[in-house]
Amino acid sequence: MRHYHIRWSNGNLDWERYRTRAEAESGAKKLLQYEETYAIEEHGESCPRCPDVVKAKLRQANKLGESGSSAD
């Protein structure tokens, strides 16, 4: 699925995924720091960022599940 990420001037690809280029532009303008620049990148199924985000969310969900279980 086509989506967009913000590439910050330090080279980092932002974790947040946007459905449209306009949403990504709006998000970047809200997050922009002094003297920082960005580019909006279009990605698809082979996105280099999204697998990391999914893994992190799964780890977080597993930790929440473990902490909510009883020790009986």
PDB file of N, CA and C in Angstrom:
ATOM      1  N   MET A   1       0.837  -1.176   0.000  1.00  0.00           N
ATOM      2  CA  MET A   1       0.000   0.000   0.000  1.00  0.00           C
ATOM      3  C   MET A   1       0.887   1.246   0.000  1.00  0.00           C
ATOM      4  N   ARG A   2       0.576   2.172  -0.860  1.00  0.00           N
ATOM      5  CA  ARG A   2       1.333   3.412  -0.955  1.00  0.00           C
ATOM      6  C   ARG A   2       1.086   4.279   0.278  1.00  0.00           C
ATOM      7  N   HIS A   3       2.173   4.829   0.822  1.00  0.00           N
ATOM      8  CA  HIS A   3       2.075   5.718   1.972  1.00  0.00           C
ATOM      9  C   HIS A   3       3.307   6.624   1.984  1.00  0.00           C
ATOM     10  N   TYR A   4       3.370   7.529   2.947  1.00  0.00           N
ATOM     11  CA  TYR A   4       4.423   8.538   2.970  1.00  0.00           C
ATOM     12  C   TYR A   4       5.052   8.638   4.361  1.00  0.00           C
ATOM     13  N   HIS A   5       6.355   8.914   4.363  1.00  0.00           N
ATOM     14  CA  HIS A   5       7.100   9.147   5.592  1.00  0.00           C
ATOM     15  C   HIS A   5       7.882  10.448   5.434  1.00  0.00           C
ATOM     16  N   ILE A   6       8.282  11.012   6.556  1.00  0.00           N
ATOM     17  CA  ILE A   6       9.121  12.206   6.563  1.00  0.00           C
ATOM     18  C   ILE A   6      10.574  11.764   6.725  1.00  0.00           C
ATOM     19  N   ARG A   7      11.440  12.238   5.838  1.00  0.00           N
ATOM     20  CA  ARG A   7      12.879  12.007   5.968  1.00  0.00           C
ATOM     21  C   ARG A   7      13.479  13.306   6.502  1.00  0.00           C
ATOM     22  N   TRP A   8      13.981  13.267   7.746  1.00  0.00           N
ATOM     23  CA  TRP A   8      14.538  14.458   8.384  1.00  0.00           C
ATOM     24  C   TRP A   8      15.946  14.728   7.877  1.00  0.00           C
ATOM     25  N   SER A   9      16.397  15.957   8.029  1.00  0.00           N
ATOM     26  CA  SER A   9      17.710  16.376   7.521  1.00  0.00           C
ATOM     27  C   SER A   9      18.864  15.595   8.147  1.00  0.00           C
ATOM     28  N   ASN A  10      18.644  14.986   9.312  1.00  0.00           N
ATOM     29  CA  ASN A  10      19.703  14.172   9.924  1.00  0.00           C
ATOM     30  C   ASN A  10      19.761  12.768   9.317  1.00  0.00           C
ATOM     31  N   GLY A  11      18.883  12.493   8.358  1.00  0.00           N
ATOM     32  CA  GLY A  11      18.889  11.204   7.671  1.00  0.00           C
ATOM     33  C   GLY A  11      17.865  10.215   8.192  1.00  0.00           C
ATOM     34  N   ASN A  12      17.277  10.484   9.355  1.00  0.00           N
ATOM     35  CA  ASN A  12      16.309   9.563   9.935  1.00  0.00           C
ATOM     36  C   ASN A  12      14.973   9.596   9.189  1.00  0.00           C
ATOM     37  N   LEU A  13      14.407   8.434   9.031  1.00  0.00           N
ATOM     38  CA  LEU A  13      13.081   8.299   8.442  1.00  0.00           C
ATOM     39  C   LEU A  13      12.085   8.211   9.591  1.00  0.00           C
ATOM     40  N   ASP A  14      11.178   9.152   9.663  1.00  0.00           N
ATOM     41  CA  ASP A  14      10.219   9.216  10.764  1.00  0.00           C
ATOM     42  C   ASP A  14       9.377   7.946  10.814  1.00  0.00           C
ATOM     43  N   TRP A  15       8.988   7.532  12.011  1.00  0.00           N
ATOM     44  CA  TRP A  15       8.229   6.298  12.198  1.00  0.00           C
ATOM     45  C   TRP A  15       6.785   6.432  11.732  1.00  0.00           C
ATOM     46  N   GLU A  16       6.241   7.653  11.807  1.00  0.00           N
ATOM     47  CA  GLU A  16       4.818   7.815  11.502  1.00  0.00           C
ATOM     48  C   GLU A  16       4.538   7.655  10.016  1.00  0.00           C
ATOM     49  N   ARG A  17       3.468   6.953   9.735  1.00  0.00           N
ATOM     50  CA  ARG A  17       3.059   6.641   8.369  1.00  0.00           C
ATOM     51  C   ARG A  17       1.856   7.508   8.025  1.00  0.00           C
ATOM     52  N   TYR A  18       1.900   8.171   6.877  1.00  0.00           N
ATOM     53  CA  TYR A  18       0.815   9.052   6.440  1.00  0.00           C
ATOM     54  C   TYR A  18       0.172   8.495   5.177  1.00  0.00           C
ATOM     55  N   ARG A  19      -1.128   8.648   5.073  1.00  0.00           N
ATOM     56  CA  ARG A  19      -1.856   8.131   3.904  1.00  0.00           C
ATOM     57  C   ARG A  19      -1.642   8.976   2.657  1.00  0.00           C
ATOM     58  N   THR A  20      -1.435  10.285   2.835  1.00  0.00           N
ATOM     59  CA  THR A  20      -1.260  11.176   1.689  1.00  0.00           C
ATOM     60  C   THR A  20      -0.034  12.060   1.875  1.00  0.00           C
ATOM     61  N   ARG A  21       0.460  12.589   0.767  1.00  0.00           N
ATOM     62  CA  ARG A  21       1.587  13.514   0.811  1.00  0.00           C
ATOM     63  C   ARG A  21       1.202  14.762   1.597  1.00  0.00           C
ATOM     64  N   ALA A  22      -0.036  15.234   1.431  1.00  0.00           N
ATOM     65  CA  ALA A  22      -0.507  16.431   2.146  1.00  0.00           C
ATOM     66  C   ALA A  22      -0.504  16.204   3.657  1.00  0.00           C
ATOM     67  N   GLU A  23      -0.921  15.026   4.114  1.00  0.00           N
ATOM     68  CA  GLU A  23      -0.890  14.710   5.546  1.00  0.00           C
ATOM     69  C   GLU A  23       0.543  14.696   6.057  1.00  0.00           C
ATOM     70  N   ALA A  24       1.454  14.153   5.270  1.00  0.00           N
ATOM     71  CA  ALA A  24       2.862  14.104   5.670  1.00  0.00           C
ATOM     72  C   ALA A  24       3.444  15.519   5.752  1.00  0.00           C
ATOM     73  N   GLU A  25       3.124  16.363   4.796  1.00  0.00           N
ATOM     74  CA  GLU A  25       3.592  17.758   4.819  1.00  0.00           C
ATOM     75  C   GLU A  25       3.084  18.469   6.077  1.00  0.00           C
ATOM     76  N   SER A  26       1.811  18.276   6.384  1.00  0.00           N
ATOM     77  CA  SER A  26       1.211  18.896   7.563  1.00  0.00           C
ATOM     78  C   SER A  26       1.891  18.399   8.842  1.00  0.00           C
ATOM     79  N   GLY A  27       2.104  17.096   8.921  1.00  0.00           N
ATOM     80  CA  GLY A  27       2.779  16.513  10.087  1.00  0.00           C
ATOM     81  C   GLY A  27       4.194  17.030  10.237  1.00  0.00           C
ATOM     82  N   ALA A  28       4.911  17.142   9.128  1.00  0.00           N
ATOM     83  CA  ALA A  28       6.289  17.631   9.166  1.00  0.00           C
ATOM     84  C   ALA A  28       6.342  19.069   9.663  1.00  0.00           C
ATOM     85  N   LYS A  29       5.428  19.884   9.199  1.00  0.00           N
ATOM     86  CA  LYS A  29       5.413  21.288   9.617  1.00  0.00           C
ATOM     87  C   LYS A  29       5.140  21.425  11.109  1.00  0.00           C
ATOM     88  N   LYS A  30       4.341  20.517  11.670  1.00  0.00           N
ATOM     89  CA  LYS A  30       4.053  20.543  13.107  1.00  0.00           C
ATOM     90  C   LYS A  30       5.267  20.107  13.929  1.00  0.00           C
ATOM     91  N   LEU A  31       6.059  19.185  13.388  1.00  0.00           N
ATOM     92  CA  LEU A  31       7.190  18.605  14.117  1.00  0.00           C
ATOM     93  C   LEU A  31       8.524  19.301  13.850  1.00  0.00           C
ATOM     94  N   LEU A  32       8.565  20.149  12.852  1.00  0.00           N
ATOM     95  CA  LEU A  32       9.795  20.772  12.402  1.00  0.00           C
ATOM     96  C   LEU A  32      10.490  21.561  13.508  1.00  0.00           C
ATOM     97  N   GLN A  33      11.773  21.300  13.689  1.00  0.00           N
ATOM     98  CA  GLN A  33      12.602  21.990  14.671  1.00  0.00           C
ATOM     99  C   GLN A  33      13.412  23.092  13.977  1.00  0.00           C
ATOM    100  N   TYR A  34      13.931  24.022  14.749  1.00  0.00           N
ATOM    101  CA  TYR A  34      14.730  25.129  14.239  1.00  0.00           C
ATOM    102  C   TYR A  34      15.900  24.610  13.394  1.00  0.00           C
ATOM    103  N   GLU A  35      16.085  25.185  12.237  1.00  0.00           N
ATOM    104  CA  GLU A  35      17.154  24.848  11.295  1.00  0.00           C
ATOM    105  C   GLU A  35      17.110  23.403  10.805  1.00  0.00           C
ATOM    106  N   GLU A  36      15.990  22.761  10.905  1.00  0.00           N
ATOM    107  CA  GLU A  36      15.840  21.393  10.427  1.00  0.00           C
ATOM    108  C   GLU A  36      15.113  21.437   9.088  1.00  0.00           C
ATOM    109  N   THR A  37      15.433  20.516   8.228  1.00  0.00           N
ATOM    110  CA  THR A  37      14.726  20.400   6.957  1.00  0.00           C
ATOM    111  C   THR A  37      14.211  18.974   6.830  1.00  0.00           C
ATOM    112  N   TYR A  38      13.386  18.762   5.833  1.00  0.00           N
ATOM    113  CA  TYR A  38      12.812  17.435   5.628  1.00  0.00           C
ATOM    114  C   TYR A  38      12.455  17.240   4.165  1.00  0.00           C
ATOM    115  N   ALA A  39      12.213  16.008   3.817  1.00  0.00           N
ATOM    116  CA  ALA A  39      11.696  15.640   2.508  1.00  0.00           C
ATOM    117  C   ALA A  39      10.606  14.603   2.749  1.00  0.00           C
ATOM    118  N   ILE A  40       9.589  14.637   1.935  1.00  0.00           N
ATOM    119  CA  ILE A  40       8.525  13.636   2.016  1.00  0.00           C
ATOM    120  C   ILE A  40       8.860  12.529   1.031  1.00  0.00           C
ATOM    121  N   GLU A  41       8.857  11.294   1.513  1.00  0.00           N
ATOM    122  CA  GLU A  41       9.172  10.145   0.670  1.00  0.00           C
ATOM    123  C   GLU A  41       7.958   9.241   0.528  1.00  0.00           C
ATOM    124  N   GLU A  42       7.735   8.797  -0.675  1.00  0.00           N
ATOM    125  CA  GLU A  42       6.653   7.848  -0.949  1.00  0.00           C
ATOM    126  C   GLU A  42       7.215   6.432  -0.840  1.00  0.00           C
ATOM    127  N   HIS A  43       6.480   5.570  -0.148  1.00  0.00           N
ATOM    128  CA  HIS A  43       6.904   4.182   0.023  1.00  0.00           C
ATOM    129  C   HIS A  43       5.739   3.243  -0.263  1.00  0.00           C
ATOM    130  N   GLY A  44       6.080   2.004  -0.516  1.00  0.00           N
ATOM    131  CA  GLY A  44       5.082   0.973  -0.778  1.00  0.00           C
ATOM    132  C   GLY A  44       5.317  -0.224   0.118  1.00  0.00           C
ATOM    133  N   GLU A  45       5.076  -1.395  -0.423  1.00  0.00           N
ATOM    134  CA  GLU A  45       5.193  -2.640   0.343  1.00  0.00           C
ATOM    135  C   GLU A  45       6.604  -2.884   0.874  1.00  0.00           C
ATOM    136  N   SER A  46       7.611  -2.403   0.175  1.00  0.00           N
ATOM    137  CA  SER A  46       8.992  -2.644   0.603  1.00  0.00           C
ATOM    138  C   SER A  46       9.541  -1.500   1.450  1.00  0.00           C
ATOM    139  N   CYS A  47       8.678  -0.826   2.170  1.00  0.00           N
ATOM    140  CA  CYS A  47       9.073   0.305   3.004  1.00  0.00           C
ATOM    141  C   CYS A  47      10.127  -0.132   4.028  1.00  0.00           C
ATOM    142  N   PRO A  48      11.235   0.612   4.128  1.00  0.00           N
ATOM    143  CA  PRO A  48      12.285   0.229   5.071  1.00  0.00           C
ATOM    144  C   PRO A  48      11.927   0.523   6.527  1.00  0.00           C
ATOM    145  N   ARG A  49      10.909   1.330   6.779  1.00  0.00           N
ATOM    146  CA  ARG A  49      10.583   1.749   8.142  1.00  0.00           C
ATOM    147  C   ARG A  49       9.453   0.946   8.760  1.00  0.00           C
ATOM    148  N   CYS A  50       8.458   0.631   8.013  1.00  0.00           N
ATOM    149  CA  CYS A  50       7.251   0.010   8.581  1.00  0.00           C
ATOM    150  C   CYS A  50       7.475  -1.332   9.278  1.00  0.00           C
ATOM    151  N   PRO A  51       8.337  -2.215   8.782  1.00  0.00           N
ATOM    152  CA  PRO A  51       8.560  -3.466   9.528  1.00  0.00           C
ATOM    153  C   PRO A  51       9.089  -3.219  10.942  1.00  0.00           C
ATOM    154  N   ASP A  52       9.935  -2.206  11.126  1.00  0.00           N
ATOM    155  CA  ASP A  52      10.452  -1.892  12.455  1.00  0.00           C
ATOM    156  C   ASP A  52       9.343  -1.410  13.376  1.00  0.00           C
ATOM    157  N   VAL A  53       8.429  -0.626  12.841  1.00  0.00           N
ATOM    158  CA  VAL A  53       7.319  -0.106  13.641  1.00  0.00           C
ATOM    159  C   VAL A  53       6.399  -1.244  14.068  1.00  0.00           C
ATOM    160  N   VAL A  54       6.107  -2.153  13.158  1.00  0.00           N
ATOM    161  CA  VAL A  54       5.245  -3.293  13.480  1.00  0.00           C
ATOM    162  C   VAL A  54       5.888  -4.157  14.560  1.00  0.00           C
ATOM    163  N   LYS A  55       7.191  -4.418  14.435  1.00  0.00           N
ATOM    164  CA  LYS A  55       7.898  -5.221  15.442  1.00  0.00           C
ATOM    165  C   LYS A  55       7.853  -4.545  16.812  1.00  0.00           C
ATOM    166  N   ALA A  56       8.066  -3.239  16.837  1.00  0.00           N
ATOM    167  CA  ALA A  56       8.047  -2.503  18.110  1.00  0.00           C
ATOM    168  C   ALA A  56       6.662  -2.561  18.742  1.00  0.00           C
ATOM    169  N   LYS A  57       5.622  -2.439  17.944  1.00  0.00           N
ATOM    170  CA  LYS A  57       4.255  -2.504  18.470  1.00  0.00           C
ATOM    171  C   LYS A  57       3.946  -3.895  19.011  1.00  0.00           C
ATOM    172  N   LEU A  58       4.424  -4.925  18.325  1.00  0.00           N
ATOM    173  CA  LEU A  58       4.210  -6.290  18.809  1.00  0.00           C
ATOM    174  C   LEU A  58       4.937  -6.529  20.130  1.00  0.00           C
ATOM    175  N   ARG A  59       6.176  -6.028  20.240  1.00  0.00           N
ATOM    176  CA  ARG A  59       6.918  -6.167  21.500  1.00  0.00           C
ATOM    177  C   ARG A  59       6.189  -5.465  22.635  1.00  0.00           C
ATOM    178  N   GLN A  60       5.673  -4.276  22.358  1.00  0.00           N
ATOM    179  CA  GLN A  60       4.957  -3.517  23.378  1.00  0.00           C
ATOM    180  C   GLN A  60       3.687  -4.262  23.799  1.00  0.00           C
ATOM    181  N   ALA A  61       2.959  -4.801  22.841  1.00  0.00           N
ATOM    182  CA  ALA A  61       1.736  -5.540  23.151  1.00  0.00           C
ATOM    183  C   ALA A  61       2.056  -6.783  23.971  1.00  0.00           C
ATOM    184  N   ASN A  62       3.145  -7.466  23.647  1.00  0.00           N
ATOM    185  CA  ASN A  62       3.546  -8.653  24.410  1.00  0.00           C
ATOM    186  C   ASN A  62       3.911  -8.305  25.833  1.00  0.00           C
ATOM    187  N   LYS A  63       4.600  -7.173  26.014  1.00  0.00           N
ATOM    188  CA  LYS A  63       4.965  -6.745  27.371  1.00  0.00           C
ATOM    189  C   LYS A  63       3.727  -6.405  28.173  1.00  0.00           C
ATOM    190  N   LEU A  64       2.761  -5.747  27.542  1.00  0.00           N
ATOM    191  CA  LEU A  64       1.516  -5.410  28.246  1.00  0.00           C
ATOM    192  C   LEU A  64       0.762  -6.673  28.624  1.00  0.00           C
ATOM    193  N   GLY A  65       0.764  -7.666  27.734  1.00  0.00           N
ATOM    194  CA  GLY A  65       0.101  -8.927  28.020  1.00  0.00           C
ATOM    195  C   GLY A  65       0.747  -9.678  29.154  1.00  0.00           C
ATOM    196  N   GLU A  66       2.076  -9.638  29.209  1.00  0.00           N
ATOM    197  CA  GLU A  66       2.814 -10.313  30.282  1.00  0.00           C
ATOM    198  C   GLU A  66       2.568  -9.640  31.630  1.00  0.00           C
ATOM    199  N   SER A  67       2.527  -8.316  31.642  1.00  0.00           N
ATOM    200  CA  SER A  67       2.361  -7.614  32.906  1.00  0.00           C
ATOM    201  C   SER A  67       0.923  -7.734  33.437  1.00  0.00           C
ATOM    202  N   GLY A  68      -0.006  -8.038  32.536  1.00  0.00           N
ATOM    203  CA  GLY A  68      -1.394  -8.177  32.959  1.00  0.00           C
ATOM    204  C   GLY A  68      -1.781  -9.573  33.380  1.00  0.00           C
ATOM    205  N   SER A  69      -0.882 -10.546  33.206  1.00  0.00           N
ATOM    206  CA  SER A  69      -1.199 -11.916  33.572  1.00  0.00           C
ATOM    207  C   SER A  69      -0.983 -12.141  35.057  1.00  0.00           C
ATOM    208  N   SER A  70      -1.743 -13.060  35.599  1.00  0.00           N
ATOM    209  CA  SER A  70      -1.595 -13.351  37.030  1.00  0.00           C
ATOM    210  C   SER A  70      -0.570 -14.443  37.233  1.00  0.00           C
ATOM    211  N   ALA A  71      -0.016 -14.516  38.428  1.00  0.00           N
ATOM    212  CA  ALA A  71       1.013 -15.496  38.762  1.00  0.00           C
ATOM    213  C   ALA A  71       0.433 -16.675  39.534  1.00  0.00           C
ATOM    214  N   ASP A  72      -0.810 -17.018  39.269  1.00  0.00           N
ATOM    215  CA  ASP A  72      -1.437 -18.122  40.006  1.00  0.00           C
ATOM    216  C   ASP A  72      -0.969 -19.453  39.520  1.00  0.00           C
TER     217      ASP A  72
END
